[in-house]
Amino acid sequence: MTSRLKRKLFKPFFDLQGQLLQLQHELDALRLQTEQIAQRLDSIHSNTQSLYSHNWTSDKNLVFPDLGGLSIRIVALLRQLLPFDVKDLGFHRFGRELDGGYVMIDDLSMARAAISCGIATEVSWDREMAERGLIVHQFDHTVEASPEQHQNFRFRKLAIRSAAATGEITIPGIVAELGPDASGSILKIDIEGSEWDVFAAIEPQVLTHFSQIVVEFHDLHYLPQFIDKAEQAVRNLCTDFFVVHVHANNHEACYSIGGVIVPRVIEITFANRRVFESAPCTRNFPTEWDRQNNPHRPDIYLGKFNY
């Protein structure tokens, strides 16, 4: 048999052998990728276990994705922030269309002063308060002066803290300084995470001086780290106030904590129960008054914000 004939007869076999060899190479590559993925998953699992056992909490009931332990406490905390309508009153957006504007009850009739804690370079809320005739007391230790001038602005380079030291001031300290002008005043506070300490330490009676309080709460995705503090802060706020508006800041994402979905940053407006009468909420959030903090990303739908 000639070599040419042998090649012709055995060509299908050689072709099949080549295909099998190619498949073997592909299987080896897939096996290597699978091993690498498994190693990454093991690393992620190990890091997650480390976070929960060492950094976040000693409560072993906080597990994914089941509710239990701290997850139930987080749900109970968020349920206290259920929004209500206000009887016979509507809402208005104070401040600019982007980050820095806040939705509040459209009634400032009893306020003579507004307290703006944390301004940086954005004072559109302050300006609208001032144009409504309120004296606006601005506090921010990160800038030298208010970025805008207005005859009703009163700027002080001070940090808002739970206990005052040099270069710092507390909410009770501000209330004491304002005296009679504190009655019915508006408090807006956006201090990049320090709000939890401030409200956890404050006496609820101090807050009754305000008719409305607007707070930007930060770092809800870390709630397991400071759940005791967060519970105390919300308890102090909700002693004499109820929630009338919620809006998630879409600069940040939403997170799952033990199966509980929370926005990382949320703006909440509180109303004084001694001033305003609550009614069942008829709105879904975001509302017609809300705007995206970041116009290049979709707003975060909260619905009724009912946990």
Protein backbone atom coordinates (compact mmCIF):
# COMPACT_ATOMS: atom_id res chain seq x y z
CA MET A 1 0.00 0.00 0.00
CA THR A 2 1.40 3.31 -1.02
CA SER A 3 1.98 6.11 1.48
CA ARG A 4 -0.45 8.29 -0.45
CA LEU A 5 -3.18 5.70 -0.08
CA LYS A 6 -2.42 5.30 3.64
CA ARG A 7 -2.79 9.02 4.16
CA LYS A 8 -6.09 8.99 2.32
CA LEU A 9 -7.44 6.03 4.31
CA PHE A 10 -6.31 7.32 7.69
CA LYS A 11 -7.07 11.05 7.15
CA PRO A 12 -10.46 10.92 8.98
CA PHE A 13 -8.72 9.30 11.93
CA PHE A 14 -5.98 11.95 12.00
CA ASP A 15 -8.59 14.72 11.73
CA LEU A 16 -10.56 13.24 14.61
CA GLN A 17 -7.39 12.87 16.66
CA GLY A 18 -6.58 16.56 16.06
CA GLN A 19 -10.09 17.61 17.08
CA LEU A 20 -9.86 15.53 20.25
CA LEU A 21 -6.51 17.10 21.08
CA GLN A 22 -7.99 20.59 20.57
CA LEU A 23 -10.92 19.72 22.82
CA GLN A 24 -8.50 18.47 25.46
CA HIS A 25 -6.67 21.82 25.39
CA GLU A 26 -9.98 23.69 25.73
CA LEU A 27 -11.07 21.47 28.64
CA ASP A 28 -7.74 22.08 30.38
CA ALA A 29 -8.22 25.84 29.96
CA LEU A 30 -11.78 25.65 31.32
CA ARG A 31 -10.59 23.56 34.27
CA LEU A 32 -7.96 26.19 35.06
CA GLN A 33 -10.54 28.99 34.86
CA THR A 34 -12.89 27.00 37.13
CA GLU A 35 -10.13 26.54 39.70
CA GLN A 36 -9.35 30.26 39.59
CA ILE A 37 -13.04 31.16 40.09
CA ALA A 38 -13.27 28.70 42.99
CA GLN A 39 -10.21 30.29 44.60
CA ARG A 40 -11.74 33.76 44.19
CA LEU A 41 -15.03 32.59 45.72
CA ASP A 42 -13.16 31.05 48.64
CA SER A 43 -11.32 34.34 49.12
CA ILE A 44 -14.56 36.37 48.99
CA HIS A 45 -16.21 33.98 51.45
CA SER A 46 -13.23 34.23 53.79
CA ASN A 47 -13.22 38.04 53.60
CA THR A 48 -16.98 38.18 54.22
CA GLN A 49 -16.66 35.91 57.25
CA SER A 50 -13.85 38.10 58.53
CA LEU A 51 -15.96 41.25 58.13
CA TYR A 52 -18.88 39.84 60.03
CA SER A 53 -16.90 38.13 62.76
CA HIS A 54 -14.39 40.90 63.46
CA ASN A 55 -15.46 44.28 62.11
CA TRP A 56 -19.21 44.46 61.96
CA THR A 57 -20.71 42.51 64.82
CA SER A 58 -20.29 39.61 67.19
CA ASP A 59 -23.91 38.59 66.55
CA LYS A 60 -23.63 35.30 64.63
CA ASN A 61 -27.26 35.56 63.51
CA LEU A 62 -26.45 38.13 60.84
CA VAL A 63 -26.28 35.90 57.77
CA PHE A 64 -27.01 36.19 54.07
CA PRO A 65 -29.64 36.05 52.74
CA ASP A 66 -31.92 35.08 55.65
CA LEU A 67 -33.48 37.62 58.00
CA GLY A 68 -32.40 37.17 61.57
CA GLY A 69 -30.42 38.78 64.36
CA LEU A 70 -29.34 42.26 63.35
CA SER A 71 -31.37 42.09 60.15
CA ILE A 72 -34.57 42.15 62.19
CA ARG A 73 -33.26 45.10 64.21
CA ILE A 74 -32.51 46.96 60.97
CA VAL A 75 -36.05 46.31 59.69
CA ALA A 76 -37.48 47.56 63.01
CA LEU A 77 -35.30 50.66 62.76
CA LEU A 78 -36.43 51.44 59.22
CA ARG A 79 -40.09 50.89 60.09
CA GLN A 80 -39.87 53.90 62.40
CA LEU A 81 -39.08 56.00 59.32
CA LEU A 82 -42.37 55.25 57.56
CA PRO A 83 -43.47 58.50 55.83
CA PHE A 84 -46.79 60.24 56.49
CA ASP A 85 -48.69 63.02 54.80
CA VAL A 86 -49.48 66.22 56.70
CA LYS A 87 -53.12 67.14 57.23
CA ASP A 88 -54.24 70.18 55.17
CA LEU A 89 -50.69 71.01 54.00
CA GLY A 90 -48.59 70.29 50.94
CA PHE A 91 -44.92 70.15 50.12
CA HIS A 92 -42.33 72.27 48.36
CA ARG A 93 -38.78 71.78 47.18
CA PHE A 94 -36.45 74.26 48.83
CA GLY A 95 -33.12 74.73 47.10
CA ARG A 96 -31.83 73.86 43.67
CA GLU A 97 -32.94 71.06 41.35
CA LEU A 98 -29.82 68.94 41.99
CA ASP A 99 -28.05 67.81 45.15
CA GLY A 100 -28.61 70.46 47.82
CA GLY A 101 -32.38 70.83 47.42
CA TYR A 102 -34.74 69.30 49.98
CA VAL A 103 -38.48 68.60 50.06
CA MET A 104 -40.23 70.01 53.12
CA ILE A 105 -43.68 70.96 54.35
CA ASP A 106 -44.65 74.19 52.63
CA ASP A 107 -45.25 76.07 55.87
CA LEU A 108 -42.49 78.11 57.47
CA SER A 109 -44.90 80.47 59.21
CA MET A 110 -43.65 79.84 62.73
CA ALA A 111 -39.94 79.95 61.90
CA ARG A 112 -37.74 82.99 62.40
CA ALA A 113 -34.45 81.15 61.92
CA ALA A 114 -32.97 78.29 59.94
CA ILE A 115 -29.89 76.34 60.98
CA SER A 116 -27.81 74.97 58.12
CA CYS A 117 -25.20 72.46 59.30
CA GLY A 118 -22.78 71.51 56.54
CA ILE A 119 -22.75 73.79 53.50
CA ALA A 120 -19.41 73.37 51.65
CA THR A 121 -19.97 75.22 48.35
CA GLU A 122 -23.75 74.74 47.96
CA VAL A 123 -26.18 77.12 49.70
CA SER A 124 -29.28 77.14 47.49
CA TRP A 125 -31.38 75.85 50.41
CA ASP A 126 -29.94 78.53 52.66
CA ARG A 127 -30.64 81.22 50.07
CA GLU A 128 -34.30 80.24 49.72
CA MET A 129 -34.71 80.21 53.49
CA ALA A 130 -33.13 83.66 53.64
CA GLU A 131 -35.36 84.96 50.85
CA ARG A 132 -38.36 83.76 52.85
CA GLY A 133 -37.24 86.13 55.58
CA LEU A 134 -35.45 83.68 57.90
CA ILE A 135 -32.07 84.36 59.48
CA VAL A 136 -29.88 81.46 58.35
CA HIS A 137 -27.19 80.33 60.77
CA GLN A 138 -24.55 78.45 58.75
CA PHE A 139 -22.02 76.08 60.29
CA ASP A 140 -19.18 74.35 58.47
CA HIS A 141 -15.59 73.78 59.60
CA THR A 142 -14.38 72.76 56.12
CA VAL A 143 -14.70 76.20 54.48
CA GLU A 144 -13.56 79.67 55.46
CA ALA A 145 -16.78 81.47 54.60
CA SER A 146 -20.15 81.02 52.98
CA PRO A 147 -19.73 80.70 49.19
CA GLU A 148 -22.44 83.33 48.75
CA GLN A 149 -23.30 86.49 50.61
CA HIS A 150 -26.79 87.37 51.82
CA GLN A 151 -27.91 89.88 54.41
CA ASN A 152 -29.66 87.07 56.31
CA PHE A 153 -26.66 84.70 56.36
CA ARG A 154 -24.72 84.25 59.60
CA PHE A 155 -21.71 82.00 58.94
CA ARG A 156 -19.47 80.42 61.57
CA LYS A 157 -16.55 78.11 60.92
CA LEU A 158 -17.52 75.42 63.42
CA ALA A 159 -18.02 71.67 63.22
CA ILE A 160 -21.27 70.15 64.48
CA ARG A 161 -20.49 67.49 67.07
CA SER A 162 -22.23 65.57 69.85
CA ALA A 163 -19.96 67.21 72.44
CA ALA A 164 -18.29 70.57 71.89
CA ALA A 165 -14.55 71.19 71.90
CA THR A 166 -12.46 73.96 70.36
CA GLY A 167 -13.76 74.71 66.88
CA GLU A 168 -16.95 72.74 67.47
CA ILE A 169 -20.53 73.34 68.57
CA THR A 170 -23.51 71.17 69.49
CA ILE A 171 -27.15 71.46 68.48
CA PRO A 172 -28.13 72.23 72.12
CA GLY A 173 -25.44 74.92 72.11
CA ILE A 174 -26.94 76.51 68.99
CA VAL A 175 -30.43 76.38 70.47
CA ALA A 176 -29.18 78.05 73.65
CA GLU A 177 -27.49 80.81 71.64
CA LEU A 178 -30.60 81.49 69.56
CA GLY A 179 -32.80 81.81 72.63
CA PRO A 180 -36.40 82.72 71.68
CA ASP A 181 -35.52 82.63 67.97
CA ALA A 182 -34.99 78.86 68.24
CA SER A 183 -38.70 78.29 68.70
CA GLY A 184 -40.19 76.87 65.50
CA SER A 185 -36.89 77.10 63.63
CA ILE A 186 -35.81 74.80 60.79
CA LEU A 187 -32.81 72.48 61.12
CA LYS A 188 -30.97 71.13 58.07
CA ILE A 189 -28.02 68.85 58.73
CA ASP A 190 -25.69 67.25 56.19
CA ILE A 191 -22.43 66.48 57.97
CA GLU A 192 -21.14 63.38 56.18
CA GLY A 193 -21.88 60.68 58.75
CA SER A 194 -21.47 62.61 62.01
CA GLU A 195 -25.25 63.03 62.17
CA TRP A 196 -25.58 59.61 63.83
CA ASP A 197 -23.42 60.68 66.78
CA VAL A 198 -25.19 64.04 67.03
CA PHE A 199 -28.71 62.63 67.19
CA ALA A 200 -27.77 59.62 69.33
CA ALA A 201 -26.40 61.96 72.01
CA ILE A 202 -29.08 64.66 71.94
CA GLU A 203 -31.95 64.96 74.39
CA PRO A 204 -35.28 64.71 72.50
CA GLN A 205 -36.57 67.75 74.38
CA VAL A 206 -33.95 69.90 72.63
CA LEU A 207 -35.31 68.92 69.23
CA THR A 208 -38.82 70.15 70.10
CA HIS A 209 -37.58 73.69 69.44
CA PHE A 210 -37.61 72.87 65.71
CA SER A 211 -40.73 72.69 63.57
CA GLN A 212 -38.99 70.70 60.81
CA ILE A 213 -35.71 68.79 60.62
CA VAL A 214 -34.05 67.76 57.36
CA VAL A 215 -31.28 65.17 57.67
CA GLU A 216 -29.07 63.48 55.11
CA PHE A 217 -28.21 60.12 56.65
CA HIS A 218 -25.01 58.51 55.39
CA ASP A 219 -23.56 55.00 55.33
CA LEU A 220 -26.69 52.95 55.88
CA HIS A 221 -24.84 50.03 54.28
CA TYR A 222 -22.67 49.99 57.44
CA LEU A 223 -25.62 49.87 59.84
CA PRO A 224 -24.46 46.60 61.44
CA GLN A 225 -21.36 48.43 62.63
CA PHE A 226 -23.31 51.06 64.58
CA ILE A 227 -26.80 49.64 65.03
CA ASP A 228 -27.00 50.64 68.72
CA LYS A 229 -26.12 54.24 67.89
CA ALA A 230 -28.53 54.31 64.93
CA GLU A 231 -31.39 52.97 67.06
CA GLN A 232 -30.78 55.64 69.68
CA ALA A 233 -30.56 58.40 67.06
CA VAL A 234 -33.84 57.40 65.40
CA ARG A 235 -35.49 56.93 68.78
CA ASN A 236 -34.52 60.46 69.81
CA LEU A 237 -35.75 61.92 66.52
CA CYS A 238 -39.04 60.04 66.51
CA THR A 239 -39.96 60.84 70.10
CA ASP A 240 -41.61 64.10 69.04
CA PHE A 241 -41.30 63.96 65.23
CA PHE A 242 -42.71 61.90 62.38
CA VAL A 243 -41.31 61.41 58.89
CA VAL A 244 -42.96 63.32 56.05
CA HIS A 245 -40.51 62.78 53.19
CA VAL A 246 -37.79 60.37 52.10
CA HIS A 247 -35.48 60.53 49.10
CA ALA A 248 -32.50 58.30 48.28
CA ASN A 249 -29.38 60.07 47.08
CA ASN A 250 -28.64 58.44 43.72
CA HIS A 251 -24.97 59.39 43.85
CA GLU A 252 -24.70 56.14 45.82
CA ALA A 253 -26.08 52.64 45.30
CA CYS A 254 -28.45 50.41 47.28
CA TYR A 255 -27.14 47.53 49.37
CA SER A 256 -28.46 44.28 50.81
CA ILE A 257 -27.86 43.77 54.52
CA GLY A 258 -28.95 40.28 55.45
CA GLY A 259 -31.59 40.48 52.75
CA VAL A 260 -32.72 43.98 53.73
CA ILE A 261 -32.31 46.44 50.84
CA VAL A 262 -31.24 49.93 51.93
CA PRO A 263 -29.95 53.01 50.10
CA ARG A 264 -26.47 54.02 51.17
CA VAL A 265 -27.49 57.69 51.62
CA ILE A 266 -31.00 58.97 52.24
CA GLU A 267 -32.53 62.41 52.84
CA ILE A 268 -35.34 62.45 55.41
CA THR A 269 -37.62 65.30 56.48
CA PHE A 270 -39.12 65.16 59.98
CA ALA A 271 -42.13 67.17 61.23
CA ASN A 272 -42.81 68.17 64.82
CA ARG A 273 -45.87 66.33 66.17
CA ARG A 274 -46.70 69.33 68.35
CA VAL A 275 -46.97 71.54 65.26
CA PHE A 276 -48.20 69.32 62.43
CA GLU A 277 -50.87 66.61 62.27
CA SER A 278 -50.01 63.44 60.42
CA ALA A 279 -52.23 61.61 57.94
CA PRO A 280 -51.81 58.30 56.05
CA CYS A 281 -49.33 58.64 53.23
CA THR A 282 -50.77 58.85 49.72
CA ARG A 283 -47.45 59.35 47.91
CA ASN A 284 -44.85 57.10 46.36
CA PHE A 285 -41.21 58.15 46.53
CA PRO A 286 -39.66 59.85 44.66
CA THR A 287 -42.46 62.38 44.30
CA GLU A 288 -43.11 65.21 41.87
CA TRP A 289 -40.97 67.48 44.06
CA ASP A 290 -37.92 65.24 43.99
CA ARG A 291 -34.99 65.51 41.60
CA GLN A 292 -32.00 63.29 40.99
CA ASN A 293 -28.98 64.32 43.03
CA ASN A 294 -26.94 63.10 40.08
CA PRO A 295 -28.75 63.96 36.82
CA HIS A 296 -26.76 61.35 34.90
CA ARG A 297 -28.13 58.42 36.91
CA PRO A 298 -31.74 57.27 37.39
CA ASP A 299 -33.46 58.14 40.64
CA ILE A 300 -33.91 55.37 43.21
CA TYR A 301 -37.49 54.14 43.59
CA LEU A 302 -38.50 53.76 47.26
CA GLY A 303 -42.27 53.28 46.81
CA LYS A 304 -44.01 53.74 50.16
CA PHE A 305 -40.74 53.13 52.04
CA ASN A 306 -42.70 50.68 54.17
CA TYR A 307 -40.58 47.94 55.69
